[in-house]
Amino acid sequence: MSSGSLIAQLDAFEQAALAAIRGAADAAALEAARIEFLGARQGKLRDLQALLGTATREEKPVVGRRFNEVKQVVSNELDARGRVLSRPRRPDQAVDVTLPGPRPAIGRRHPLTQTILEFKDIMGRFGFTVADGPEVEDEWHNFEALNIPADHPARDPLDNFFLATAAAGDPQRGTANSATSRLLRSQTSTVQIRVMESNPPPIRICSVGRVYRPDTIDATHSCMFHQMEGLLIAPGTTMAQLKTVLRLFAQAYLGHDVTIRFRPSFFPFTEPSVEVDMSWDSTGSRWLEIGGAGMVDPNVLRAVGYDPEQVTGFAFGLGIERFCMRRHQVPDIRYFTNNDLRFLRQF
């Protein structure tokens, strides 16, 4: 066999061996390639080595040198590929960085939180500033300063969440040497008392927060709910201004298709007083009570040191859950606290 034919076979062996080694995806495939091309018993290189004896004396130096070169190149490639396959895989080698990553789960604000933030924004545009107060209150701020006497049914222990009896002369009581009890506030009207006690008129504030009443839980009632209190104290304040603010507020949050109506009512801290209803839909066939309102009773003004002859004011308390229910057509207030993600993901 001529040297040219032997060298061609060596070249073909080299190309095939390198292709098999570089294409080995794991250690097992690489070992199979080694046995096939460099195996001591059945390897193709051993067969080529046997053919070297057929070369002439003049051809042997050229063919032998090429044989050694091919063997060295294939052996080096085998070692290099083995080192690559034995290295631990880096994370970036296991991930196609050109593909979009998994979409992160982004939380949402609770629908009531969204409503509260929007309420504050609307009232801010109306010129009202936000005021806050404690959820655990004393009887002075929750009842007495609001013109609710001791024998009033609203102070019945069965209609409130009383917590504990405080010692006499409690500084939060507002009057010295008198025992008081702590309770979860039953209305955000307590905040208006605290604001008026420490600030002279004019007052233009709103307060948003949780209130607690032991109501029977049903589709429109809960023992814990959210309320927004509005208060405006200034000379010459009128009932017409109150009705205008409530209508504009309802339209700002619910749209112009909402209808607001006022029904005469009674609250100890306002006189005259009204209950406020809104239409559930554009047909006006169903109405939902959303709160109470009225002109601040002169006794409330006197309790905080204001002169009813100099200033008047109005106050209102609105149920936040019911506004949210109407806007999103939620039929049951309990949906807001069931923690059902199928419901919450809609907002």
Protein backbone atom coordinates (compact mmCIF):
# COMPACT_ATOMS: atom_id res chain seq x y z
CA MET A 1 0.00 0.00 0.00
CA SER A 2 1.42 3.43 -0.95
CA SER A 3 2.27 6.07 1.64
CA GLY A 4 -0.34 8.41 0.10
CA SER A 5 -3.09 5.89 0.78
CA LEU A 6 -1.90 5.35 4.38
CA ILE A 7 -1.73 9.08 5.09
CA ALA A 8 -5.26 9.54 3.67
CA GLN A 9 -6.53 6.83 6.00
CA LEU A 10 -4.77 8.52 8.93
CA ASP A 11 -6.38 11.88 8.00
CA ALA A 12 -9.82 10.28 7.78
CA PHE A 13 -9.25 8.56 11.13
CA GLU A 14 -8.27 11.87 12.73
CA GLN A 15 -11.37 13.71 11.45
CA ALA A 16 -13.75 10.93 12.53
CA ALA A 17 -12.13 10.57 15.96
CA LEU A 18 -12.18 14.32 16.68
CA ALA A 19 -15.83 14.60 15.59
CA ALA A 20 -16.87 11.72 17.85
CA ILE A 21 -14.92 13.07 20.83
CA ARG A 22 -16.22 16.64 20.47
CA GLY A 23 -19.77 15.35 20.06
CA ALA A 24 -19.67 13.27 23.26
CA ALA A 25 -22.32 14.75 25.59
CA ASP A 26 -21.29 12.83 28.71
CA ALA A 27 -18.59 10.62 30.16
CA ALA A 28 -20.20 7.42 28.87
CA ALA A 29 -20.27 8.69 25.28
CA LEU A 30 -16.66 9.84 25.58
CA GLU A 31 -15.56 6.42 26.83
CA ALA A 32 -17.31 4.76 23.91
CA ALA A 33 -15.42 7.05 21.49
CA ARG A 34 -12.11 6.21 23.17
CA ILE A 35 -12.69 2.49 22.85
CA GLU A 36 -13.77 2.85 19.22
CA PHE A 37 -10.74 4.86 18.08
CA LEU A 38 -7.95 4.28 20.61
CA GLY A 39 -8.90 0.93 22.15
CA ALA A 40 -5.95 -1.41 22.74
CA ARG A 41 -7.79 -4.47 21.40
CA GLN A 42 -10.39 -3.35 18.86
CA GLY A 43 -9.58 0.33 18.28
CA LYS A 44 -9.30 1.69 14.76
CA LEU A 45 -5.86 3.14 15.52
CA ARG A 46 -4.58 -0.38 16.27
CA ASP A 47 -5.77 -1.50 12.81
CA LEU A 48 -3.95 1.43 11.18
CA GLN A 49 -0.80 0.60 13.11
CA ALA A 50 -0.88 -2.90 11.63
CA LEU A 51 -0.89 -1.38 8.13
CA LEU A 52 2.37 0.50 8.76
CA GLY A 53 4.25 -2.72 8.08
CA THR A 54 3.13 -2.60 4.44
CA ALA A 55 4.92 0.71 3.80
CA THR A 56 8.28 0.69 1.98
CA ARG A 57 11.51 1.60 3.71
CA GLU A 58 11.40 5.10 2.15
CA GLU A 59 7.74 5.67 3.14
CA LYS A 60 8.02 4.50 6.73
CA PRO A 61 9.56 7.74 8.18
CA VAL A 62 6.79 9.90 6.66
CA VAL A 63 3.95 7.55 7.50
CA GLY A 64 5.31 6.87 11.01
CA ARG A 65 5.63 10.58 11.78
CA ARG A 66 2.05 11.22 10.61
CA PHE A 67 0.80 8.24 12.65
CA ASN A 68 2.37 9.66 15.84
CA GLU A 69 0.92 13.13 15.11
CA VAL A 70 -2.59 11.76 14.66
CA LYS A 71 -2.37 9.63 17.79
CA GLN A 72 -1.16 12.61 19.84
CA VAL A 73 -3.84 14.98 18.49
CA VAL A 74 -6.66 12.49 19.17
CA SER A 75 -5.31 11.66 22.65
CA ASN A 76 -5.02 15.36 23.57
CA GLU A 77 -8.55 16.05 22.36
CA LEU A 78 -9.80 13.07 24.38
CA ASP A 79 -8.17 14.43 27.57
CA ALA A 80 -9.44 17.96 26.98
CA ARG A 81 -13.01 16.79 26.41
CA GLY A 82 -12.80 14.64 29.52
CA ARG A 83 -11.81 17.69 31.61
CA VAL A 84 -14.72 19.68 30.21
CA LEU A 85 -17.26 16.98 30.97
CA SER A 86 -15.93 16.43 34.48
CA ARG A 87 -16.30 20.10 35.47
CA PRO A 88 -19.41 21.07 37.51
CA ARG A 89 -22.02 22.75 35.36
CA ARG A 90 -22.48 26.43 36.05
CA PRO A 91 -26.04 27.74 36.35
CA ASP A 92 -25.67 29.89 33.25
CA GLN A 93 -24.86 26.77 31.24
CA ALA A 94 -28.13 25.16 32.34
CA VAL A 95 -30.30 28.15 31.42
CA ASP A 96 -30.94 29.64 28.02
CA VAL A 97 -30.42 33.30 28.83
CA THR A 98 -32.03 34.33 25.56
CA LEU A 99 -35.43 33.06 26.74
CA PRO A 100 -37.72 35.32 28.81
CA GLY A 101 -37.58 34.53 32.51
CA PRO A 102 -40.53 33.36 34.59
CA ARG A 103 -43.00 36.13 35.30
CA PRO A 104 -42.69 37.13 38.97
CA ALA A 105 -45.78 37.02 41.13
CA ILE A 106 -46.59 40.64 41.90
CA GLY A 107 -48.86 41.35 44.83
CA ARG A 108 -51.83 43.68 44.68
CA ARG A 109 -53.35 46.02 47.17
CA HIS A 110 -56.51 44.72 48.77
CA PRO A 111 -59.63 46.24 47.18
CA LEU A 112 -60.50 47.97 50.47
CA THR A 113 -57.01 49.46 50.66
CA GLN A 114 -57.41 50.71 47.10
CA THR A 115 -60.74 52.27 48.07
CA ILE A 116 -59.29 53.94 51.17
CA LEU A 117 -56.46 55.49 49.18
CA GLU A 118 -58.88 56.79 46.58
CA PHE A 119 -61.18 58.18 49.28
CA LYS A 120 -58.29 60.14 50.78
CA ASP A 121 -57.33 61.44 47.34
CA ILE A 122 -60.87 62.61 46.58
CA MET A 123 -61.27 64.30 49.97
CA GLY A 124 -57.89 65.95 49.52
CA ARG A 125 -59.14 67.49 46.29
CA PHE A 126 -62.15 68.77 48.24
CA GLY A 127 -59.80 70.53 50.65
CA PHE A 128 -60.01 68.06 53.56
CA THR A 129 -56.88 66.96 55.40
CA VAL A 130 -56.49 63.43 56.79
CA ALA A 131 -56.57 62.91 60.57
CA ASP A 132 -56.03 59.70 62.53
CA GLY A 133 -57.00 58.46 65.97
CA PRO A 134 -56.69 55.35 68.14
CA GLU A 135 -58.89 52.31 67.62
CA VAL A 136 -59.03 51.64 71.37
CA GLU A 137 -61.01 54.50 72.86
CA ASP A 138 -62.42 55.77 76.14
CA GLU A 139 -66.06 56.56 76.80
CA TRP A 140 -65.50 60.31 76.72
CA HIS A 141 -64.40 60.37 73.09
CA ASN A 142 -66.62 57.51 71.93
CA PHE A 143 -69.83 58.61 73.71
CA GLU A 144 -69.98 61.56 76.07
CA ALA A 145 -68.31 64.21 73.94
CA LEU A 146 -70.56 63.07 71.09
CA ASN A 147 -73.67 63.88 73.14
CA ILE A 148 -74.44 60.22 73.87
CA PRO A 149 -75.57 60.11 77.52
CA ALA A 150 -74.94 57.23 79.89
CA ASP A 151 -78.48 55.86 79.51
CA HIS A 152 -78.43 55.88 75.70
CA PRO A 153 -78.97 52.44 74.07
CA ALA A 154 -75.82 52.94 71.97
CA ARG A 155 -73.76 52.50 75.16
CA ASP A 156 -75.19 49.11 75.98
CA PRO A 157 -72.30 46.67 76.64
CA LEU A 158 -73.97 44.18 74.31
CA ASP A 159 -73.72 46.70 71.45
CA ASN A 160 -70.02 47.48 71.93
CA PHE A 161 -66.69 45.73 72.37
CA PHE A 162 -65.62 46.83 75.86
CA LEU A 163 -62.12 45.78 76.87
CA ALA A 164 -61.29 46.83 80.44
CA THR A 165 -62.06 49.31 83.18
CA ALA A 166 -59.46 52.01 83.71
CA ALA A 167 -58.51 53.67 86.96
CA ALA A 168 -60.14 56.87 88.11
CA GLY A 169 -58.68 60.12 86.83
CA ASP A 170 -57.41 58.60 83.55
CA PRO A 171 -55.86 61.47 81.56
CA GLN A 172 -57.39 60.18 78.32
CA ARG A 173 -60.82 60.52 79.83
CA GLY A 174 -60.92 64.29 79.47
CA THR A 175 -62.56 64.77 82.85
CA ALA A 176 -60.75 64.27 86.14
CA ASN A 177 -61.71 61.92 88.98
CA SER A 178 -64.06 59.77 86.94
CA ALA A 179 -63.73 56.10 86.06
CA THR A 180 -63.79 55.13 82.41
CA SER A 181 -63.80 51.98 80.33
CA ARG A 182 -61.83 51.08 77.26
CA LEU A 183 -63.57 49.82 74.16
CA LEU A 184 -62.93 49.32 70.47
CA ARG A 185 -64.26 52.46 68.84
CA SER A 186 -67.71 52.06 67.33
CA GLN A 187 -67.31 55.00 64.93
CA THR A 188 -64.62 57.26 63.50
CA SER A 189 -66.47 60.23 65.00
CA THR A 190 -64.06 59.86 67.91
CA VAL A 191 -61.38 61.40 65.72
CA GLN A 192 -63.36 64.60 65.18
CA ILE A 193 -63.56 65.08 68.95
CA ARG A 194 -59.80 64.65 69.33
CA VAL A 195 -59.10 67.09 66.49
CA MET A 196 -61.49 69.75 67.81
CA GLU A 197 -60.14 69.42 71.36
CA SER A 198 -56.67 70.42 70.20
CA ASN A 199 -57.39 72.77 67.28
CA PRO A 200 -59.43 75.96 66.96
CA PRO A 201 -61.88 76.37 64.07
CA PRO A 202 -62.03 76.31 61.13
CA ILE A 203 -61.73 72.51 60.86
CA ARG A 204 -61.85 70.58 57.60
CA ILE A 205 -60.76 66.97 58.14
CA CYS A 206 -61.54 63.39 57.17
CA SER A 207 -60.59 60.24 59.02
CA VAL A 208 -60.49 56.72 57.60
CA GLY A 209 -60.14 53.59 59.71
CA ARG A 210 -61.57 50.43 61.23
CA VAL A 211 -64.56 50.48 63.55
CA TYR A 212 -66.07 47.67 65.58
CA ARG A 213 -69.68 46.77 66.35
CA PRO A 214 -71.09 43.36 67.40
CA ASP A 215 -73.49 43.25 64.47
CA THR A 216 -74.86 40.02 63.07
CA ILE A 217 -72.68 39.19 60.09
CA ASP A 218 -74.54 38.95 56.81
CA ALA A 219 -74.16 40.13 53.21
CA THR A 220 -73.99 43.83 54.18
CA HIS A 221 -72.88 43.79 57.85
CA SER A 222 -69.71 42.82 59.69
CA CYS A 223 -68.45 43.17 63.25
CA MET A 224 -65.38 44.98 61.92
CA PHE A 225 -65.60 47.35 58.98
CA HIS A 226 -64.08 50.56 57.64
CA GLN A 227 -65.58 54.01 57.88
CA MET A 228 -64.67 57.45 56.63
CA GLU A 229 -65.56 60.39 58.84
CA GLY A 230 -65.82 63.88 57.39
CA LEU A 231 -66.00 67.07 59.46
CA LEU A 232 -66.24 70.72 58.49
CA ILE A 233 -66.49 73.42 61.17
CA ALA A 234 -66.64 77.07 60.09
CA PRO A 235 -68.92 80.07 60.37
CA GLY A 236 -72.00 79.83 58.17
CA THR A 237 -71.79 76.10 57.37
CA THR A 238 -75.12 74.77 56.05
CA MET A 239 -76.94 71.53 55.37
CA ALA A 240 -76.93 72.37 51.68
CA GLN A 241 -73.12 72.29 51.70
CA LEU A 242 -73.18 68.88 53.37
CA LYS A 243 -75.51 67.43 50.74
CA THR A 244 -73.41 68.93 47.95
CA VAL A 245 -70.18 67.42 49.33
CA LEU A 246 -71.76 63.97 49.65
CA ARG A 247 -73.21 64.04 46.14
CA LEU A 248 -69.93 65.23 44.61
CA PHE A 249 -67.98 62.62 46.56
CA ALA A 250 -70.25 59.77 45.45
CA GLN A 251 -70.00 60.90 41.82
CA ALA A 252 -66.21 61.24 42.06
CA TYR A 253 -65.85 57.64 43.24
CA LEU A 254 -68.78 55.88 41.54
CA GLY A 255 -69.46 58.00 38.46
CA HIS A 256 -72.32 60.24 37.47
CA ASP A 257 -74.82 57.39 37.15
CA VAL A 258 -75.07 57.03 40.94
CA THR A 259 -78.07 58.57 42.69
CA ILE A 260 -77.89 59.74 46.31
CA ARG A 261 -80.92 60.21 48.52
CA PHE A 262 -81.29 61.54 52.07
CA ARG A 263 -83.76 60.25 54.67
CA PRO A 264 -84.53 62.07 57.94
CA SER A 265 -83.02 60.27 60.90
CA PHE A 266 -81.66 60.85 64.40
CA PHE A 267 -78.11 60.76 65.76
CA PRO A 268 -77.19 62.22 69.16
CA PHE A 269 -74.23 64.13 67.74
CA THR A 270 -75.97 65.80 64.78
CA GLU A 271 -79.13 67.86 64.47
CA PRO A 272 -80.75 67.74 61.98
CA SER A 273 -79.62 64.24 60.95
CA VAL A 274 -80.03 62.20 57.78
CA GLU A 275 -79.26 58.70 56.62
CA VAL A 276 -77.65 58.51 53.18
CA ASP A 277 -78.55 55.88 50.58
CA MET A 278 -77.15 55.25 47.13
CA SER A 279 -78.67 53.43 44.19
CA TRP A 280 -77.16 49.99 43.65
CA ASP A 281 -77.38 50.33 39.87
CA SER A 282 -78.56 52.76 37.24
CA THR A 283 -82.14 51.45 37.37
CA GLY A 284 -82.68 52.75 40.92
CA SER A 285 -84.63 49.62 41.86
CA ARG A 286 -82.37 48.80 44.81
CA TRP A 287 -80.93 51.13 47.44
CA LEU A 288 -78.09 50.58 49.88
CA GLU A 289 -77.48 52.63 53.00
CA ILE A 290 -73.95 54.06 53.00
CA GLY A 291 -73.85 56.14 56.16
CA GLY A 292 -75.21 58.89 58.33
CA ALA A 293 -74.71 62.64 58.34
CA GLY A 294 -76.01 65.92 59.71
CA MET A 295 -75.19 69.26 61.25
CA VAL A 296 -72.97 69.00 64.32
CA ASP A 297 -75.07 69.24 67.46
CA PRO A 298 -74.35 72.39 69.54
CA ASN A 299 -73.70 70.17 72.59
CA VAL A 300 -70.79 68.54 70.71
CA LEU A 301 -69.36 71.96 69.91
CA ARG A 302 -69.62 73.02 73.55
CA ALA A 303 -67.96 69.76 74.72
CA VAL A 304 -64.78 70.68 72.84
CA GLY A 305 -64.86 74.36 73.80
CA TYR A 306 -66.40 75.84 70.63
CA ASP A 307 -69.08 78.53 70.70
CA PRO A 308 -72.17 77.35 68.75
CA GLU A 309 -73.12 80.98 68.27
CA GLN A 310 -69.91 81.61 66.33
CA VAL A 311 -69.41 78.43 64.28
CA THR A 312 -71.51 75.63 62.82
CA GLY A 313 -70.49 72.47 61.07
CA PHE A 314 -71.46 69.25 59.43
CA ALA A 315 -70.22 65.69 59.86
CA PHE A 316 -70.75 62.44 58.00
CA GLY A 317 -69.69 58.84 58.32
CA LEU A 318 -69.59 56.59 55.25
CA GLY A 319 -69.15 52.81 55.00
CA ILE A 320 -66.12 52.08 52.82
CA GLU A 321 -67.01 48.43 52.17
CA ARG A 322 -70.40 49.40 50.75
CA PHE A 323 -68.90 51.92 48.34
CA CYS A 324 -66.44 49.26 47.19
CA MET A 325 -69.27 46.74 46.84
CA ARG A 326 -71.30 49.11 44.70
CA ARG A 327 -68.39 50.06 42.45
CA HIS A 328 -67.35 46.47 41.72
CA GLN A 329 -70.82 44.92 42.07
CA VAL A 330 -69.70 42.67 44.93
CA PRO A 331 -72.86 41.09 46.38
CA ASP A 332 -71.50 40.07 49.79
CA ILE A 333 -69.28 42.02 52.21
CA ARG A 334 -67.76 38.75 53.45
CA TYR A 335 -65.87 38.32 50.19
CA PHE A 336 -63.44 41.02 51.35
CA THR A 337 -62.27 38.95 54.33
CA ASN A 338 -62.47 35.39 52.99
CA ASN A 339 -58.91 35.63 51.58
CA ASP A 340 -59.95 33.85 48.39
CA LEU A 341 -57.23 34.64 45.85
CA ARG A 342 -59.62 33.98 42.97
CA PHE A 343 -61.63 36.95 44.21
CA LEU A 344 -58.73 39.21 45.18
CA ARG A 345 -56.86 38.78 41.89
CA GLN A 346 -59.69 40.58 40.09
CA PHE A 347 -58.69 43.94 41.57
